[in-house]
Amino acid sequence: MNQERRSIVGGDGCEWVVRELETRDAGSPSKSLVFERPEVVRRVRQYPLDWASLSDDQLYRLSLRT
């Protein structure tokens, strides 16, 4: 699995670390895009495969779909 991480500055002015996370739900693998900062974690289950090529603004807006 791709372990790519990105740091972005969101529309809220805060720095977020963005990474893809694979988990096993009921034995089936499931991927999520995780947005983290010290106080908050957001998880998006439906996201584009090319998420790493999106702009900071596009990724931040995606994080609001949690």
PDB file of N, CA and C in Angstrom:
ATOM      1  N   MET A   1       0.827  -1.183   0.000  1.00  0.00           N
ATOM      2  CA  MET A   1       0.000   0.000   0.000  1.00  0.00           C
ATOM      3  C   MET A   1       0.872   1.248   0.000  1.00  0.00           C
ATOM      4  N   ASN A   2       0.416   2.278  -0.647  1.00  0.00           N
ATOM      5  CA  ASN A   2       1.107   3.548  -0.700  1.00  0.00           C
ATOM      6  C   ASN A   2       1.057   4.204   0.678  1.00  0.00           C
ATOM      7  N   GLN A   3       2.201   4.535   1.220  1.00  0.00           N
ATOM      8  CA  GLN A   3       2.269   5.162   2.538  1.00  0.00           C
ATOM      9  C   GLN A   3       2.526   6.658   2.425  1.00  0.00           C
ATOM     10  N   GLU A   4       2.079   7.255   1.338  1.00  0.00           N
ATOM     11  CA  GLU A   4       2.318   8.663   1.107  1.00  0.00           C
ATOM     12  C   GLU A   4       1.616   9.514   2.157  1.00  0.00           C
ATOM     13  N   ARG A   5       2.300  10.556   2.565  1.00  0.00           N
ATOM     14  CA  ARG A   5       1.763  11.533   3.511  1.00  0.00           C
ATOM     15  C   ARG A   5       1.995  12.911   2.924  1.00  0.00           C
ATOM     16  N   ARG A   6       1.091  13.797   3.245  1.00  0.00           N
ATOM     17  CA  ARG A   6       1.256  15.191   2.856  1.00  0.00           C
ATOM     18  C   ARG A   6       0.884  16.082   4.011  1.00  0.00           C
ATOM     19  N   SER A   7       1.571  17.179   4.111  1.00  0.00           N
ATOM     20  CA  SER A   7       1.174  18.233   5.038  1.00  0.00           C
ATOM     21  C   SER A   7       0.556  19.335   4.210  1.00  0.00           C
ATOM     22  N   ILE A   8      -0.596  19.798   4.651  1.00  0.00           N
ATOM     23  CA  ILE A   8      -1.280  20.881   3.950  1.00  0.00           C
ATOM     24  C   ILE A   8      -1.670  21.947   4.958  1.00  0.00           C
ATOM     25  N   VAL A   9      -1.890  23.147   4.456  1.00  0.00           N
ATOM     26  CA  VAL A   9      -2.479  24.212   5.266  1.00  0.00           C
ATOM     27  C   VAL A   9      -3.898  24.363   4.762  1.00  0.00           C
ATOM     28  N   GLY A  10      -4.847  24.113   5.642  1.00  0.00           N
ATOM     29  CA  GLY A  10      -6.256  24.129   5.264  1.00  0.00           C
ATOM     30  C   GLY A  10      -6.843  25.519   5.246  1.00  0.00           C
ATOM     31  N   GLY A  11      -8.068  25.590   4.796  1.00  0.00           N
ATOM     32  CA  GLY A  11      -8.807  26.841   4.767  1.00  0.00           C
ATOM     33  C   GLY A  11      -9.019  27.436   6.149  1.00  0.00           C
ATOM     34  N   ASP A  12      -8.806  26.632   7.172  1.00  0.00           N
ATOM     35  CA  ASP A  12      -8.919  27.103   8.550  1.00  0.00           C
ATOM     36  C   ASP A  12      -7.609  27.700   9.059  1.00  0.00           C
ATOM     37  N   GLY A  13      -6.558  27.686   8.193  1.00  0.00           N
ATOM     38  CA  GLY A  13      -5.254  28.230   8.574  1.00  0.00           C
ATOM     39  C   GLY A  13      -4.389  27.276   9.360  1.00  0.00           C
ATOM     40  N   CYS A  14      -4.874  26.055   9.612  1.00  0.00           N
ATOM     41  CA  CYS A  14      -4.129  25.065  10.395  1.00  0.00           C
ATOM     42  C   CYS A  14      -3.408  24.080   9.487  1.00  0.00           C
ATOM     43  N   GLU A  15      -2.319  23.527   9.997  1.00  0.00           N
ATOM     44  CA  GLU A  15      -1.591  22.497   9.267  1.00  0.00           C
ATOM     45  C   GLU A  15      -2.218  21.133   9.561  1.00  0.00           C
ATOM     46  N   TRP A  16      -2.449  20.374   8.505  1.00  0.00           N
ATOM     47  CA  TRP A  16      -3.016  19.036   8.591  1.00  0.00           C
ATOM     48  C   TRP A  16      -2.047  18.042   7.961  1.00  0.00           C
ATOM     49  N   VAL A  17      -1.940  16.861   8.539  1.00  0.00           N
ATOM     50  CA  VAL A  17      -1.220  15.755   7.912  1.00  0.00           C
ATOM     51  C   VAL A  17      -2.283  14.869   7.271  1.00  0.00           C
ATOM     52  N   VAL A  18      -2.076  14.560   5.997  1.00  0.00           N
ATOM     53  CA  VAL A  18      -3.027  13.756   5.239  1.00  0.00           C
ATOM     54  C   VAL A  18      -2.347  12.461   4.851  1.00  0.00           C
ATOM     55  N   ARG A  19      -3.026  11.326   5.093  1.00  0.00           N
ATOM     56  CA  ARG A  19      -2.455  10.021   4.740  1.00  0.00           C
ATOM     57  C   ARG A  19      -3.568   9.041   4.436  1.00  0.00           C
ATOM     58  N   GLU A  20      -3.215   8.029   3.679  1.00  0.00           N
ATOM     59  CA  GLU A  20      -4.161   6.965   3.362  1.00  0.00           C
ATOM     60  C   GLU A  20      -3.972   5.847   4.392  1.00  0.00           C
ATOM     61  N   LEU A  21      -5.078   5.320   4.878  1.00  0.00           N
ATOM     62  CA  LEU A  21      -5.047   4.282   5.901  1.00  0.00           C
ATOM     63  C   LEU A  21      -5.884   3.103   5.449  1.00  0.00           C
ATOM     64  N   GLU A  22      -5.307   1.912   5.537  1.00  0.00           N
ATOM     65  CA  GLU A  22      -6.051   0.696   5.203  1.00  0.00           C
ATOM     66  C   GLU A  22      -6.378  -0.052   6.492  1.00  0.00           C
ATOM     67  N   THR A  23      -7.642  -0.413   6.653  1.00  0.00           N
ATOM     68  CA  THR A  23      -8.085  -1.177   7.817  1.00  0.00           C
ATOM     69  C   THR A  23      -8.847  -2.406   7.333  1.00  0.00           C
ATOM     70  N   ARG A  24      -9.145  -3.279   8.243  1.00  0.00           N
ATOM     71  CA  ARG A  24      -9.939  -4.471   7.920  1.00  0.00           C
ATOM     72  C   ARG A  24     -11.251  -4.396   8.676  1.00  0.00           C
ATOM     73  N   ASP A  25     -12.326  -4.223   7.910  1.00  0.00           N
ATOM     74  CA  ASP A  25     -13.663  -4.199   8.492  1.00  0.00           C
ATOM     75  C   ASP A  25     -14.339  -5.514   8.163  1.00  0.00           C
ATOM     76  N   ALA A  26     -14.649  -6.289   9.177  1.00  0.00           N
ATOM     77  CA  ALA A  26     -15.289  -7.606   8.995  1.00  0.00           C
ATOM     78  C   ALA A  26     -14.486  -8.468   8.018  1.00  0.00           C
ATOM     79  N   GLY A  27     -13.155  -8.373   8.115  1.00  0.00           N
ATOM     80  CA  GLY A  27     -12.293  -9.200   7.282  1.00  0.00           C
ATOM     81  C   GLY A  27     -12.007  -8.651   5.909  1.00  0.00           C
ATOM     82  N   SER A  28     -12.703  -7.602   5.489  1.00  0.00           N
ATOM     83  CA  SER A  28     -12.483  -7.000   4.172  1.00  0.00           C
ATOM     84  C   SER A  28     -11.647  -5.735   4.320  1.00  0.00           C
ATOM     85  N   PRO A  29     -10.629  -5.578   3.471  1.00  0.00           N
ATOM     86  CA  PRO A  29      -9.835  -4.350   3.561  1.00  0.00           C
ATOM     87  C   PRO A  29     -10.658  -3.130   3.146  1.00  0.00           C
ATOM     88  N   SER A  30     -10.415  -2.048   3.812  1.00  0.00           N
ATOM     89  CA  SER A  30     -11.117  -0.804   3.543  1.00  0.00           C
ATOM     90  C   SER A  30     -10.101   0.333   3.657  1.00  0.00           C
ATOM     91  N   LYS A  31     -10.136   1.267   2.713  1.00  0.00           N
ATOM     92  CA  LYS A  31      -9.210   2.396   2.748  1.00  0.00           C
ATOM     93  C   LYS A  31      -9.948   3.677   3.098  1.00  0.00           C
ATOM     94  N   SER A  32      -9.240   4.538   3.806  1.00  0.00           N
ATOM     95  CA  SER A  32      -9.753   5.853   4.168  1.00  0.00           C
ATOM     96  C   SER A  32      -8.637   6.861   3.982  1.00  0.00           C
ATOM     97  N   LEU A  33      -9.027   8.086   3.754  1.00  0.00           N
ATOM     98  CA  LEU A  33      -8.083   9.183   3.755  1.00  0.00           C
ATOM     99  C   LEU A  33      -8.238   9.877   5.104  1.00  0.00           C
ATOM    100  N   VAL A  34      -7.139   9.965   5.836  1.00  0.00           N
ATOM    101  CA  VAL A  34      -7.173  10.495   7.199  1.00  0.00           C
ATOM    102  C   VAL A  34      -6.507  11.872   7.216  1.00  0.00           C
ATOM    103  N   PHE A  35      -7.187  12.819   7.847  1.00  0.00           N
ATOM    104  CA  PHE A  35      -6.692  14.183   8.012  1.00  0.00           C
ATOM    105  C   PHE A  35      -6.487  14.384   9.506  1.00  0.00           C
ATOM    106  N   GLU A  36      -5.266  14.739   9.907  1.00  0.00           N
ATOM    107  CA  GLU A  36      -4.961  14.837  11.333  1.00  0.00           C
ATOM    108  C   GLU A  36      -4.265  16.142  11.680  1.00  0.00           C
ATOM    109  N   ARG A  37      -4.612  16.631  12.842  1.00  0.00           N
ATOM    110  CA  ARG A  37      -3.844  17.656  13.531  1.00  0.00           C
ATOM    111  C   ARG A  37      -3.984  17.320  15.009  1.00  0.00           C
ATOM    112  N   PRO A  38      -3.233  17.939  15.908  1.00  0.00           N
ATOM    113  CA  PRO A  38      -3.251  17.487  17.302  1.00  0.00           C
ATOM    114  C   PRO A  38      -4.630  17.382  17.944  1.00  0.00           C
ATOM    115  N   GLU A  39      -5.555  18.275  17.589  1.00  0.00           N
ATOM    116  CA  GLU A  39      -6.860  18.286  18.257  1.00  0.00           C
ATOM    117  C   GLU A  39      -7.947  17.527  17.521  1.00  0.00           C
ATOM    118  N   VAL A  40      -7.724  17.200  16.250  1.00  0.00           N
ATOM    119  CA  VAL A  40      -8.811  16.686  15.409  1.00  0.00           C
ATOM    120  C   VAL A  40      -8.303  15.607  14.463  1.00  0.00           C
ATOM    121  N   VAL A  41      -9.142  14.595  14.257  1.00  0.00           N
ATOM    122  CA  VAL A  41      -8.886  13.593  13.222  1.00  0.00           C
ATOM    123  C   VAL A  41     -10.160  13.480  12.391  1.00  0.00           C
ATOM    124  N   ARG A  42      -9.995  13.540  11.074  1.00  0.00           N
ATOM    125  CA  ARG A  42     -11.130  13.368  10.162  1.00  0.00           C
ATOM    126  C   ARG A  42     -10.821  12.196   9.249  1.00  0.00           C
ATOM    127  N   ARG A  43     -11.836  11.429   8.925  1.00  0.00           N
ATOM    128  CA  ARG A  43     -11.666  10.279   8.035  1.00  0.00           C
ATOM    129  C   ARG A  43     -12.671  10.382   6.894  1.00  0.00           C
ATOM    130  N   VAL A  44     -12.172  10.255   5.676  1.00  0.00           N
ATOM    131  CA  VAL A  44     -13.014  10.301   4.477  1.00  0.00           C
ATOM    132  C   VAL A  44     -12.895   8.942   3.792  1.00  0.00           C
ATOM    133  N   ARG A  45     -14.025   8.289   3.577  1.00  0.00           N
ATOM    134  CA  ARG A  45     -14.004   6.946   2.993  1.00  0.00           C
ATOM    135  C   ARG A  45     -14.128   6.950   1.467  1.00  0.00           C
ATOM    136  N   GLN A  46     -14.720   7.974   0.916  1.00  0.00           N
ATOM    137  CA  GLN A  46     -14.837   8.076  -0.545  1.00  0.00           C
ATOM    138  C   GLN A  46     -14.018   9.272  -0.998  1.00  0.00           C
ATOM    139  N   TYR A  47     -12.950   8.982  -1.724  1.00  0.00           N
ATOM    140  CA  TYR A  47     -12.024  10.023  -2.157  1.00  0.00           C
ATOM    141  C   TYR A  47     -11.384   9.600  -3.472  1.00  0.00           C
ATOM    142  N   PRO A  48     -10.869  10.554  -4.246  1.00  0.00           N
ATOM    143  CA  PRO A  48     -10.270  10.204  -5.532  1.00  0.00           C
ATOM    144  C   PRO A  48      -8.941   9.469  -5.356  1.00  0.00           C
ATOM    145  N   LEU A  49      -8.666   8.547  -6.254  1.00  0.00           N
ATOM    146  CA  LEU A  49      -7.422   7.786  -6.192  1.00  0.00           C
ATOM    147  C   LEU A  49      -6.196   8.676  -6.355  1.00  0.00           C
ATOM    148  N   ASP A  50      -6.358   9.789  -7.041  1.00  0.00           N
ATOM    149  CA  ASP A  50      -5.238  10.710  -7.253  1.00  0.00           C
ATOM    150  C   ASP A  50      -5.192  11.812  -6.193  1.00  0.00           C
ATOM    151  N   TRP A  51      -5.627  11.503  -4.989  1.00  0.00           N
ATOM    152  CA  TRP A  51      -5.719  12.496  -3.923  1.00  0.00           C
ATOM    153  C   TRP A  51      -4.395  13.224  -3.691  1.00  0.00           C
ATOM    154  N   ALA A  52      -3.275  12.534  -3.863  1.00  0.00           N
ATOM    155  CA  ALA A  52      -1.968  13.141  -3.594  1.00  0.00           C
ATOM    156  C   ALA A  52      -1.650  14.269  -4.572  1.00  0.00           C
ATOM    157  N   SER A  53      -2.318  14.293  -5.722  1.00  0.00           N
ATOM    158  CA  SER A  53      -2.058  15.343  -6.711  1.00  0.00           C
ATOM    159  C   SER A  53      -3.010  16.530  -6.560  1.00  0.00           C
ATOM    160  N   LEU A  54      -3.946  16.460  -5.633  1.00  0.00           N
ATOM    161  CA  LEU A  54      -4.879  17.567  -5.416  1.00  0.00           C
ATOM    162  C   LEU A  54      -4.177  18.723  -4.711  1.00  0.00           C
ATOM    163  N   SER A  55      -4.682  19.914  -4.913  1.00  0.00           N
ATOM    164  CA  SER A  55      -4.120  21.087  -4.227  1.00  0.00           C
ATOM    165  C   SER A  55      -4.485  21.021  -2.735  1.00  0.00           C
ATOM    166  N   ASP A  56      -3.785  21.823  -1.943  1.00  0.00           N
ATOM    167  CA  ASP A  56      -4.105  21.897  -0.509  1.00  0.00           C
ATOM    168  C   ASP A  56      -5.568  22.266  -0.308  1.00  0.00           C
ATOM    169  N   ASP A  57      -6.054  23.238  -1.074  1.00  0.00           N
ATOM    170  CA  ASP A  57      -7.440  23.682  -0.936  1.00  0.00           C
ATOM    171  C   ASP A  57      -8.421  22.563  -1.280  1.00  0.00           C
ATOM    172  N   GLN A  58      -8.145  21.830  -2.350  1.00  0.00           N
ATOM    173  CA  GLN A  58      -9.025  20.717  -2.740  1.00  0.00           C
ATOM    174  C   GLN A  58      -9.043  19.638  -1.661  1.00  0.00           C
ATOM    175  N   LEU A  59      -7.878  19.316  -1.110  1.00  0.00           N
ATOM    176  CA  LEU A  59      -7.831  18.306  -0.045  1.00  0.00           C
ATOM    177  C   LEU A  59      -8.575  18.788   1.199  1.00  0.00           C
ATOM    178  N   TYR A  60      -8.392  20.042   1.568  1.00  0.00           N
ATOM    179  CA  TYR A  60      -9.084  20.551   2.743  1.00  0.00           C
ATOM    180  C   TYR A  60     -10.601  20.466   2.555  1.00  0.00           C
ATOM    181  N   ARG A  61     -11.076  20.874   1.386  1.00  0.00           N
ATOM    182  CA  ARG A  61     -12.523  20.779   1.122  1.00  0.00           C
ATOM    183  C   ARG A  61     -12.996  19.332   1.177  1.00  0.00           C
ATOM    184  N   LEU A  62     -12.173  18.417   0.705  1.00  0.00           N
ATOM    185  CA  LEU A  62     -12.504  16.990   0.792  1.00  0.00           C
ATOM    186  C   LEU A  62     -12.623  16.557   2.254  1.00  0.00           C
ATOM    187  N   SER A  63     -11.782  17.083   3.108  1.00  0.00           N
ATOM    188  CA  SER A  63     -11.820  16.699   4.530  1.00  0.00           C
ATOM    189  C   SER A  63     -13.110  17.107   5.212  1.00  0.00           C
ATOM    190  N   LEU A  64     -13.793  18.088   4.662  1.00  0.00           N
ATOM    191  CA  LEU A  64     -15.044  18.558   5.261  1.00  0.00           C
ATOM    192  C   LEU A  64     -16.215  17.632   4.964  1.00  0.00           C
ATOM    193  N   ARG A  65     -16.006  16.604   4.136  1.00  0.00           N
ATOM    194  CA  ARG A  65     -17.065  15.645   3.801  1.00  0.00           C
ATOM    195  C   ARG A  65     -17.221  14.535   4.836  1.00  0.00           C
ATOM    196  N   THR A  66     -16.558  14.638   5.964  1.00  0.00           N
ATOM    197  CA  THR A  66     -16.609  13.568   6.964  1.00  0.00           C
ATOM    198  C   THR A  66     -17.998  13.367   7.511  1.00  0.00           C
TER     199      THR A  66
END
